[in-house]
Amino acid sequence: MSSEPPVDHLNDVGVLKRREIEARIVAPLLERLAERFGPEVYETARDVIVDVAREQGAALAERVGDDSLPGFAAALGAWSADGALESEVRELSDEVLAFDVTRCRYAEMYRSLGLADLGATMSCNRDGSLIEGFNPDVEFTRTRTIMSGADHCDFRFELRATPVELRS
């Protein structure tokens, strides 16, 4: 059996709708597991979600055939589809991708379901791992999120001067 994950066609559904479906299943499952095994199941779920995002980032780079920041920026359309995100690009170059999300329907959806904490785990938490899988030489910084109550999310991606593989 191959260790390669199957091709991901789930974005055909739209990422916003996909996250809602996931949340409606995962939230009660995690709640029940936490009742039975303790609150550490939430940490385990977070770890799994981060690992999945990293794998999805690597698969995205392979699909795009380009692990540059402009390539990453071009591939982000699936997350904004159906008006899911409204954003303003601050900078886009080979070394920097900076944008602010000014409206996040993911946050709105999780809040409407009473799952803002889970939303941070299931959506916001993926962002750093996604770019890590896409290109490990890119450093991700974000100081605020709409999910945590800020008026915008500040996404900053910067190509490291020294590639990760050369660091010791």
N, C-alpha and C. Protein backbone atom coordinates (compact mmCIF):
# COMPACT_ATOMS: atom_id res chain seq x y z
N MET A 1 0.85 -1.18 0.00
CA MET A 1 0.00 0.00 0.00
C MET A 1 0.89 1.24 0.00
N SER A 2 0.56 2.21 -0.80
CA SER A 2 1.34 3.44 -0.94
C SER A 2 1.19 4.32 0.29
N SER A 3 2.28 5.01 0.67
CA SER A 3 2.22 5.94 1.79
C SER A 3 1.77 7.32 1.32
N GLU A 4 1.60 7.49 0.02
CA GLU A 4 1.13 8.75 -0.54
C GLU A 4 -0.35 8.94 -0.19
N PRO A 5 -0.73 10.14 0.30
CA PRO A 5 -2.15 10.37 0.55
C PRO A 5 -2.91 10.47 -0.77
N PRO A 6 -4.17 10.11 -0.77
CA PRO A 6 -4.95 10.22 -2.00
C PRO A 6 -5.07 11.68 -2.43
N VAL A 7 -5.28 11.90 -3.71
CA VAL A 7 -5.43 13.25 -4.23
C VAL A 7 -6.62 13.93 -3.56
N ASP A 8 -6.43 15.16 -3.14
CA ASP A 8 -7.45 15.92 -2.41
C ASP A 8 -8.34 16.67 -3.40
N HIS A 9 -9.58 16.24 -3.53
CA HIS A 9 -10.57 16.92 -4.37
C HIS A 9 -11.61 17.63 -3.50
N LEU A 10 -11.35 17.72 -2.21
CA LEU A 10 -12.34 18.27 -1.30
C LEU A 10 -12.59 19.76 -1.53
N ASN A 11 -11.62 20.48 -2.09
CA ASN A 11 -11.84 21.90 -2.33
C ASN A 11 -12.89 22.14 -3.41
N ASP A 12 -13.28 21.09 -4.12
CA ASP A 12 -14.38 21.22 -5.08
C ASP A 12 -15.65 21.65 -4.37
N VAL A 13 -15.77 21.31 -3.09
CA VAL A 13 -16.92 21.68 -2.28
C VAL A 13 -16.84 23.15 -1.90
N GLY A 14 -15.67 23.71 -1.79
CA GLY A 14 -15.47 25.06 -1.26
C GLY A 14 -14.98 24.92 0.17
N VAL A 15 -13.91 25.61 0.48
CA VAL A 15 -13.27 25.44 1.78
C VAL A 15 -14.18 25.90 2.92
N LEU A 16 -14.91 26.99 2.73
CA LEU A 16 -15.80 27.48 3.79
C LEU A 16 -16.85 26.42 4.14
N LYS A 17 -17.51 25.87 3.14
CA LYS A 17 -18.52 24.84 3.38
C LYS A 17 -17.87 23.58 3.97
N ARG A 18 -16.69 23.27 3.49
CA ARG A 18 -15.95 22.11 4.00
C ARG A 18 -15.66 22.27 5.49
N ARG A 19 -15.23 23.47 5.90
CA ARG A 19 -14.95 23.71 7.33
C ARG A 19 -16.22 23.61 8.17
N GLU A 20 -17.34 24.07 7.63
CA GLU A 20 -18.59 23.96 8.37
C GLU A 20 -18.98 22.49 8.57
N ILE A 21 -18.86 21.70 7.52
CA ILE A 21 -19.17 20.27 7.63
C ILE A 21 -18.26 19.62 8.65
N GLU A 22 -16.95 19.92 8.57
CA GLU A 22 -15.99 19.37 9.53
C GLU A 22 -16.37 19.75 10.96
N ALA A 23 -16.67 21.04 11.17
CA ALA A 23 -16.98 21.52 12.52
C ALA A 23 -18.21 20.85 13.10
N ARG A 24 -19.21 20.66 12.27
CA ARG A 24 -20.45 20.04 12.76
C ARG A 24 -20.25 18.57 13.14
N ILE A 25 -19.23 17.94 12.61
CA ILE A 25 -18.92 16.56 12.97
C ILE A 25 -17.87 16.50 14.09
N VAL A 26 -16.82 17.29 13.93
CA VAL A 26 -15.69 17.23 14.86
C VAL A 26 -16.05 17.76 16.25
N ALA A 27 -16.83 18.84 16.32
CA ALA A 27 -17.14 19.43 17.64
C ALA A 27 -17.81 18.43 18.58
N PRO A 28 -18.91 17.79 18.18
CA PRO A 28 -19.52 16.83 19.11
C PRO A 28 -18.65 15.60 19.36
N LEU A 29 -17.87 15.21 18.37
CA LEU A 29 -16.96 14.08 18.55
C LEU A 29 -15.91 14.41 19.60
N LEU A 30 -15.28 15.57 19.48
CA LEU A 30 -14.26 15.97 20.45
C LEU A 30 -14.86 16.14 21.85
N GLU A 31 -16.04 16.70 21.91
CA GLU A 31 -16.70 16.88 23.21
C GLU A 31 -16.92 15.53 23.90
N ARG A 32 -17.40 14.57 23.15
CA ARG A 32 -17.64 13.24 23.72
C ARG A 32 -16.33 12.57 24.11
N LEU A 33 -15.31 12.69 23.25
CA LEU A 33 -14.01 12.10 23.58
C LEU A 33 -13.40 12.75 24.81
N ALA A 34 -13.56 14.07 24.94
CA ALA A 34 -13.03 14.77 26.11
C ALA A 34 -13.74 14.33 27.38
N GLU A 35 -15.04 14.08 27.31
CA GLU A 35 -15.78 13.57 28.46
C GLU A 35 -15.23 12.21 28.89
N ARG A 36 -14.87 11.41 27.92
CA ARG A 36 -14.42 10.05 28.22
C ARG A 36 -12.94 9.96 28.57
N PHE A 37 -12.10 10.73 27.84
CA PHE A 37 -10.65 10.57 27.98
C PHE A 37 -9.93 11.80 28.55
N GLY A 38 -10.63 12.89 28.70
CA GLY A 38 -10.03 14.09 29.26
C GLY A 38 -9.78 15.16 28.20
N PRO A 39 -9.53 16.37 28.65
CA PRO A 39 -9.40 17.51 27.75
C PRO A 39 -8.18 17.46 26.82
N GLU A 40 -7.24 16.54 27.10
CA GLU A 40 -6.06 16.45 26.22
C GLU A 40 -6.41 16.00 24.81
N VAL A 41 -7.63 15.49 24.60
CA VAL A 41 -8.02 15.13 23.23
C VAL A 41 -8.03 16.35 22.32
N TYR A 42 -8.28 17.54 22.89
CA TYR A 42 -8.27 18.76 22.08
C TYR A 42 -6.85 19.06 21.58
N GLU A 43 -5.86 18.80 22.43
CA GLU A 43 -4.47 19.00 22.02
C GLU A 43 -4.09 17.99 20.92
N THR A 44 -4.53 16.77 21.08
CA THR A 44 -4.27 15.76 20.05
C THR A 44 -4.91 16.16 18.73
N ALA A 45 -6.15 16.64 18.79
CA ALA A 45 -6.84 17.09 17.58
C ALA A 45 -6.07 18.24 16.92
N ARG A 46 -5.59 19.18 17.73
CA ARG A 46 -4.82 20.30 17.21
C ARG A 46 -3.57 19.79 16.49
N ASP A 47 -2.87 18.84 17.10
CA ASP A 47 -1.67 18.28 16.49
C ASP A 47 -1.98 17.61 15.15
N VAL A 48 -3.07 16.87 15.09
CA VAL A 48 -3.46 16.20 13.85
C VAL A 48 -3.79 17.23 12.78
N ILE A 49 -4.54 18.26 13.14
CA ILE A 49 -4.92 19.30 12.17
C ILE A 49 -3.68 20.00 11.63
N VAL A 50 -2.70 20.28 12.47
CA VAL A 50 -1.45 20.91 12.04
C VAL A 50 -0.70 19.99 11.07
N ASP A 51 -0.64 18.71 11.39
CA ASP A 51 0.04 17.75 10.51
C ASP A 51 -0.65 17.66 9.15
N VAL A 52 -1.97 17.62 9.17
CA VAL A 52 -2.74 17.56 7.92
C VAL A 52 -2.48 18.82 7.08
N ALA A 53 -2.47 19.97 7.73
CA ALA A 53 -2.22 21.23 7.00
C ALA A 53 -0.83 21.24 6.37
N ARG A 54 0.14 20.72 7.08
CA ARG A 54 1.51 20.66 6.54
C ARG A 54 1.54 19.76 5.30
N GLU A 55 0.88 18.61 5.38
CA GLU A 55 0.79 17.70 4.23
C GLU A 55 0.05 18.36 3.07
N GLN A 56 -1.02 19.08 3.37
CA GLN A 56 -1.77 19.77 2.33
C GLN A 56 -0.93 20.87 1.68
N GLY A 57 -0.10 21.54 2.47
CA GLY A 57 0.80 22.56 1.91
C GLY A 57 1.79 21.96 0.93
N ALA A 58 2.36 20.82 1.29
CA ALA A 58 3.30 20.14 0.39
C ALA A 58 2.59 19.69 -0.88
N ALA A 59 1.39 19.16 -0.74
CA ALA A 59 0.62 18.72 -1.91
C ALA A 59 0.25 19.92 -2.79
N LEU A 60 -0.05 21.04 -2.17
CA LEU A 60 -0.39 22.25 -2.91
C LEU A 60 0.81 22.72 -3.73
N ALA A 61 1.99 22.74 -3.12
CA ALA A 61 3.21 23.14 -3.85
C ALA A 61 3.45 22.22 -5.03
N GLU A 62 3.23 20.94 -4.83
CA GLU A 62 3.42 19.98 -5.92
C GLU A 62 2.41 20.22 -7.04
N ARG A 63 1.15 20.46 -6.65
CA ARG A 63 0.10 20.71 -7.65
C ARG A 63 0.38 21.99 -8.43
N VAL A 64 0.81 23.03 -7.72
CA VAL A 64 1.10 24.32 -8.36
C VAL A 64 2.39 24.23 -9.17
N GLY A 65 3.31 23.39 -8.71
CA GLY A 65 4.60 23.26 -9.39
C GLY A 65 5.51 24.43 -9.14
N ASP A 66 5.28 25.12 -8.02
CA ASP A 66 6.03 26.34 -7.70
C ASP A 66 5.88 26.60 -6.21
N ASP A 67 7.00 26.61 -5.48
CA ASP A 67 6.90 26.87 -4.04
C ASP A 67 7.29 28.29 -3.67
N SER A 68 7.20 29.22 -4.64
CA SER A 68 7.52 30.62 -4.38
C SER A 68 6.35 31.32 -3.69
N LEU A 69 6.62 32.48 -3.13
CA LEU A 69 5.54 33.25 -2.51
C LEU A 69 4.50 33.71 -3.53
N PRO A 70 4.91 34.17 -4.72
CA PRO A 70 3.88 34.48 -5.72
C PRO A 70 3.05 33.24 -6.10
N GLY A 71 3.69 32.06 -6.15
CA GLY A 71 2.97 30.82 -6.42
C GLY A 71 1.98 30.50 -5.31
N PHE A 72 2.40 30.71 -4.08
CA PHE A 72 1.53 30.50 -2.92
C PHE A 72 0.34 31.46 -2.97
N ALA A 73 0.63 32.73 -3.23
CA ALA A 73 -0.44 33.74 -3.31
C ALA A 73 -1.47 33.36 -4.37
N ALA A 74 -1.01 32.90 -5.51
CA ALA A 74 -1.91 32.51 -6.59
C ALA A 74 -2.77 31.31 -6.23
N ALA A 75 -2.25 30.46 -5.35
CA ALA A 75 -2.96 29.23 -4.98
C ALA A 75 -3.98 29.45 -3.86
N LEU A 76 -4.01 30.63 -3.27
CA LEU A 76 -4.88 30.86 -2.11
C LEU A 76 -6.34 31.13 -2.46
N GLY A 77 -6.66 31.18 -3.73
CA GLY A 77 -8.02 31.48 -4.15
C GLY A 77 -9.08 30.56 -3.58
N ALA A 78 -8.74 29.30 -3.39
CA ALA A 78 -9.74 28.35 -2.86
C ALA A 78 -10.24 28.76 -1.48
N TRP A 79 -9.39 29.38 -0.68
CA TRP A 79 -9.78 29.78 0.67
C TRP A 79 -10.66 31.03 0.67
N SER A 80 -10.60 31.81 -0.40
CA SER A 80 -11.40 33.03 -0.52
C SER A 80 -12.68 32.82 -1.33
N ALA A 81 -12.82 31.66 -1.94
CA ALA A 81 -13.97 31.38 -2.80
C ALA A 81 -15.28 31.60 -2.05
N ASP A 82 -16.29 31.94 -2.78
CA ASP A 82 -17.63 32.15 -2.23
C ASP A 82 -17.66 33.29 -1.21
N GLY A 83 -16.75 34.25 -1.35
CA GLY A 83 -16.72 35.40 -0.44
C GLY A 83 -16.26 35.05 0.96
N ALA A 84 -15.55 33.93 1.11
CA ALA A 84 -15.14 33.48 2.44
C ALA A 84 -14.19 34.45 3.12
N LEU A 85 -13.32 35.10 2.34
CA LEU A 85 -12.38 36.07 2.89
C LEU A 85 -12.39 37.33 2.04
N GLU A 86 -12.30 38.46 2.71
CA GLU A 86 -12.04 39.72 2.03
C GLU A 86 -10.68 40.17 2.54
N SER A 87 -9.80 40.50 1.61
CA SER A 87 -8.44 40.83 2.02
C SER A 87 -7.85 41.96 1.18
N GLU A 88 -6.81 42.56 1.73
CA GLU A 88 -6.06 43.62 1.07
C GLU A 88 -4.60 43.22 1.04
N VAL A 89 -4.05 43.11 -0.16
CA VAL A 89 -2.64 42.78 -0.30
C VAL A 89 -1.82 44.01 0.04
N ARG A 90 -0.85 43.84 0.92
CA ARG A 90 0.04 44.93 1.33
C ARG A 90 1.35 44.89 0.54
N GLU A 91 1.82 43.67 0.26
CA GLU A 91 3.07 43.51 -0.49
C GLU A 91 3.11 42.11 -1.09
N LEU A 92 3.59 42.02 -2.32
CA LEU A 92 3.80 40.73 -2.96
C LEU A 92 5.05 40.82 -3.81
N SER A 93 6.05 40.02 -3.44
CA SER A 93 7.31 39.95 -4.18
C SER A 93 7.84 38.54 -4.05
N ASP A 94 9.02 38.29 -4.58
CA ASP A 94 9.62 36.97 -4.42
C ASP A 94 10.01 36.70 -2.98
N GLU A 95 10.20 37.76 -2.19
CA GLU A 95 10.66 37.61 -0.80
C GLU A 95 9.56 37.79 0.24
N VAL A 96 8.47 38.50 -0.11
CA VAL A 96 7.45 38.85 0.88
C VAL A 96 6.05 38.72 0.29
N LEU A 97 5.17 38.15 1.09
CA LEU A 97 3.73 38.18 0.83
C LEU A 97 3.10 38.70 2.11
N ALA A 98 2.46 39.84 2.02
CA ALA A 98 1.81 40.44 3.19
C ALA A 98 0.40 40.85 2.80
N PHE A 99 -0.57 40.39 3.57
CA PHE A 99 -1.94 40.81 3.32
C PHE A 99 -2.72 40.82 4.63
N ASP A 100 -3.78 41.62 4.64
CA ASP A 100 -4.67 41.69 5.79
C ASP A 100 -6.03 41.13 5.37
N VAL A 101 -6.58 40.27 6.19
CA VAL A 101 -7.94 39.79 5.99
C VAL A 101 -8.84 40.74 6.78
N THR A 102 -9.76 41.38 6.09
CA THR A 102 -10.63 42.37 6.72
C THR A 102 -12.02 41.82 7.03
N ARG A 103 -12.38 40.73 6.40
CA ARG A 103 -13.62 40.01 6.74
C ARG A 103 -13.33 38.52 6.60
N CYS A 104 -13.76 37.77 7.61
CA CYS A 104 -13.53 36.33 7.62
C CYS A 104 -14.84 35.62 7.92
N ARG A 105 -15.41 35.05 6.88
CA ARG A 105 -16.66 34.32 7.06
C ARG A 105 -16.43 33.00 7.80
N TYR A 106 -15.17 32.53 7.85
CA TYR A 106 -14.87 31.35 8.67
C TYR A 106 -15.15 31.69 10.13
N ALA A 107 -14.62 32.82 10.59
CA ALA A 107 -14.85 33.25 11.98
C ALA A 107 -16.34 33.44 12.23
N GLU A 108 -17.02 34.06 11.29
CA GLU A 108 -18.46 34.28 11.44
C GLU A 108 -19.20 32.95 11.56
N MET A 109 -18.83 31.99 10.74
CA MET A 109 -19.48 30.69 10.75
C MET A 109 -19.23 29.96 12.07
N TYR A 110 -17.97 29.92 12.52
CA TYR A 110 -17.68 29.23 13.78
C TYR A 110 -18.41 29.90 14.94
N ARG A 111 -18.43 31.23 14.97
CA ARG A 111 -19.14 31.93 16.05
C ARG A 111 -20.64 31.62 16.00
N SER A 112 -21.21 31.59 14.79
CA SER A 112 -22.65 31.32 14.68
C SER A 112 -22.99 29.92 15.18
N LEU A 113 -22.04 29.01 15.10
CA LEU A 113 -22.23 27.64 15.61
C LEU A 113 -21.86 27.52 17.09
N GLY A 114 -21.38 28.63 17.68
CA GLY A 114 -20.93 28.60 19.08
C GLY A 114 -19.61 27.88 19.25
N LEU A 115 -18.76 27.90 18.20
CA LEU A 115 -17.52 27.12 18.19
C LEU A 115 -16.28 27.98 17.89
N ALA A 116 -16.22 29.20 18.42
CA ALA A 116 -15.09 30.07 18.11
C ALA A 116 -13.76 29.44 18.52
N ASP A 117 -13.71 28.78 19.68
CA ASP A 117 -12.45 28.14 20.10
C ASP A 117 -12.04 27.04 19.13
N LEU A 118 -12.99 26.24 18.71
CA LEU A 118 -12.69 25.18 17.76
C LEU A 118 -12.30 25.78 16.41
N GLY A 119 -12.90 26.90 16.06
CA GLY A 119 -12.55 27.57 14.80
C GLY A 119 -11.10 27.98 14.75
N ALA A 120 -10.59 28.47 15.88
CA ALA A 120 -9.18 28.83 15.93
C ALA A 120 -8.32 27.60 15.70
N THR A 121 -8.72 26.47 16.25
CA THR A 121 -7.97 25.22 16.07
C THR A 121 -8.11 24.69 14.65
N MET A 122 -9.32 24.70 14.12
CA MET A 122 -9.57 24.05 12.83
C MET A 122 -9.20 24.91 11.62
N SER A 123 -9.15 26.23 11.80
CA SER A 123 -8.85 27.09 10.65
C SER A 123 -7.59 27.91 10.87
N CYS A 124 -7.61 28.82 11.83
CA CYS A 124 -6.46 29.72 12.04
C CYS A 124 -5.18 28.94 12.30
N ASN A 125 -5.29 27.87 13.04
CA ASN A 125 -4.14 27.07 13.44
C ASN A 125 -3.43 26.42 12.26
N ARG A 126 -4.09 26.28 11.14
CA ARG A 126 -3.53 25.61 9.96
C ARG A 126 -2.55 26.49 9.18
N ASP A 127 -2.70 27.80 9.30
CA ASP A 127 -2.02 28.71 8.38
C ASP A 127 -0.50 28.57 8.39
N GLY A 128 0.10 28.56 9.56
CA GLY A 128 1.55 28.42 9.64
C GLY A 128 2.04 27.08 9.13
N SER A 129 1.29 26.04 9.40
CA SER A 129 1.67 24.70 8.94
C SER A 129 1.49 24.54 7.44
N LEU A 130 0.47 25.19 6.89
CA LEU A 130 0.25 25.11 5.45
C LEU A 130 1.46 25.66 4.69
N ILE A 131 1.93 26.84 5.10
CA ILE A 131 3.09 27.42 4.41
C ILE A 131 4.35 26.63 4.71
N GLU A 132 4.45 26.06 5.89
CA GLU A 132 5.61 25.23 6.24
C GLU A 132 5.71 24.03 5.30
N GLY A 133 4.57 23.42 4.99
CA GLY A 133 4.56 22.32 4.04
C GLY A 133 4.79 22.79 2.61
N PHE A 134 4.25 23.96 2.28
CA PHE A 134 4.38 24.51 0.93
C PHE A 134 5.84 24.88 0.64
N ASN A 135 6.47 25.57 1.60
CA ASN A 135 7.88 25.96 1.46
C ASN A 135 8.44 26.20 2.85
N PRO A 136 9.25 25.28 3.38
CA PRO A 136 9.78 25.42 4.74
C PRO A 136 10.73 26.60 4.91
N ASP A 137 11.14 27.22 3.82
CA ASP A 137 12.03 28.38 3.91
C ASP A 137 11.27 29.70 4.08
N VAL A 138 9.96 29.62 4.21
CA VAL A 138 9.14 30.81 4.41
C VAL A 138 8.77 30.89 5.89
N GLU A 139 8.97 32.05 6.46
CA GLU A 139 8.59 32.30 7.85
C GLU A 139 7.22 32.98 7.87
N PHE A 140 6.34 32.47 8.71
CA PHE A 140 4.98 33.00 8.84
C PHE A 140 4.84 33.75 10.14
N THR A 141 4.25 34.93 10.06
CA THR A 141 3.97 35.73 11.26
C THR A 141 2.54 36.25 11.16
N ARG A 142 1.85 36.18 12.27
CA ARG A 142 0.53 36.80 12.38
C ARG A 142 0.37 37.23 13.82
N THR A 143 0.01 38.47 14.04
CA THR A 143 -0.10 38.99 15.41
C THR A 143 -1.54 39.14 15.87
N ARG A 144 -2.49 39.03 14.95
CA ARG A 144 -3.90 39.21 15.32
C ARG A 144 -4.79 38.43 14.37
N THR A 145 -5.93 38.01 14.90
CA THR A 145 -6.92 37.33 14.07
C THR A 145 -8.32 37.86 14.39
N ILE A 146 -9.15 37.84 13.40
CA ILE A 146 -10.56 38.18 13.59
C ILE A 146 -11.19 37.16 14.53
N MET A 147 -10.78 35.91 14.42
CA MET A 147 -11.32 34.84 15.25
C MET A 147 -11.12 35.15 16.73
N SER A 148 -10.00 35.82 17.07
CA SER A 148 -9.74 36.14 18.48
C SER A 148 -10.25 37.52 18.86
N GLY A 149 -10.98 38.18 17.95
CA GLY A 149 -11.61 39.45 18.29
C GLY A 149 -11.00 40.69 17.66
N ALA A 150 -9.92 40.55 16.91
CA ALA A 150 -9.30 41.70 16.25
C ALA A 150 -10.16 42.14 15.07
N ASP A 151 -9.90 43.35 14.58
CA ASP A 151 -10.67 43.86 13.44
C ASP A 151 -10.15 43.33 12.11
N HIS A 152 -8.98 42.70 12.12
CA HIS A 152 -8.42 42.09 10.91
C HIS A 152 -7.37 41.06 11.30
N CYS A 153 -6.99 40.23 10.34
CA CYS A 153 -5.89 39.28 10.51
C CYS A 153 -4.73 39.81 9.68
N ASP A 154 -3.54 39.80 10.25
CA ASP A 154 -2.37 40.30 9.53
C ASP A 154 -1.45 39.13 9.16
N PHE A 155 -1.55 38.69 7.93
CA PHE A 155 -0.75 37.59 7.42
C PHE A 155 0.55 38.14 6.84
N ARG A 156 1.69 37.61 7.32
CA ARG A 156 2.98 38.03 6.80
C ARG A 156 3.83 36.79 6.55
N PHE A 157 4.29 36.66 5.32
CA PHE A 157 5.12 35.54 4.91
C PHE A 157 6.40 36.12 4.35
N GLU A 158 7.53 35.65 4.85
CA GLU A 158 8.81 36.19 4.39
C GLU A 158 9.79 35.05 4.13
N LEU A 159 10.41 35.09 2.96
CA LEU A 159 11.42 34.10 2.61
C LEU A 159 12.62 34.31 3.51
N ARG A 160 13.05 33.27 4.22
CA ARG A 160 14.20 33.39 5.11
C ARG A 160 15.48 33.61 4.30
N ALA A 161 16.37 34.41 4.85
CA ALA A 161 17.65 34.68 4.18
C ALA A 161 18.48 33.40 4.09
N THR A 162 18.41 32.57 5.14
CA THR A 162 19.14 31.31 5.15
C THR A 162 18.13 30.17 5.12
N PRO A 163 18.16 29.34 4.08
CA PRO A 163 17.22 28.22 4.00
C PRO A 163 17.31 27.31 5.22
N VAL A 164 16.18 26.72 5.61
CA VAL A 164 16.11 25.85 6.78
C VAL A 164 17.14 24.74 6.70
N GLU A 165 17.33 24.13 5.55
CA GLU A 165 18.26 22.98 5.44
C GLU A 165 19.71 23.38 5.70
N LEU A 166 20.04 24.68 5.61
CA LEU A 166 21.41 25.13 5.85
C LEU A 166 21.64 25.56 7.29
N ARG A 167 20.58 25.65 8.07
CA ARG A 167 20.70 26.06 9.48
C ARG A 167 21.14 24.88 10.33
N SER A 168 21.97 25.15 11.29
CA SER A 168 22.37 24.07 12.21
C SER A 168 22.41 24.55 13.62
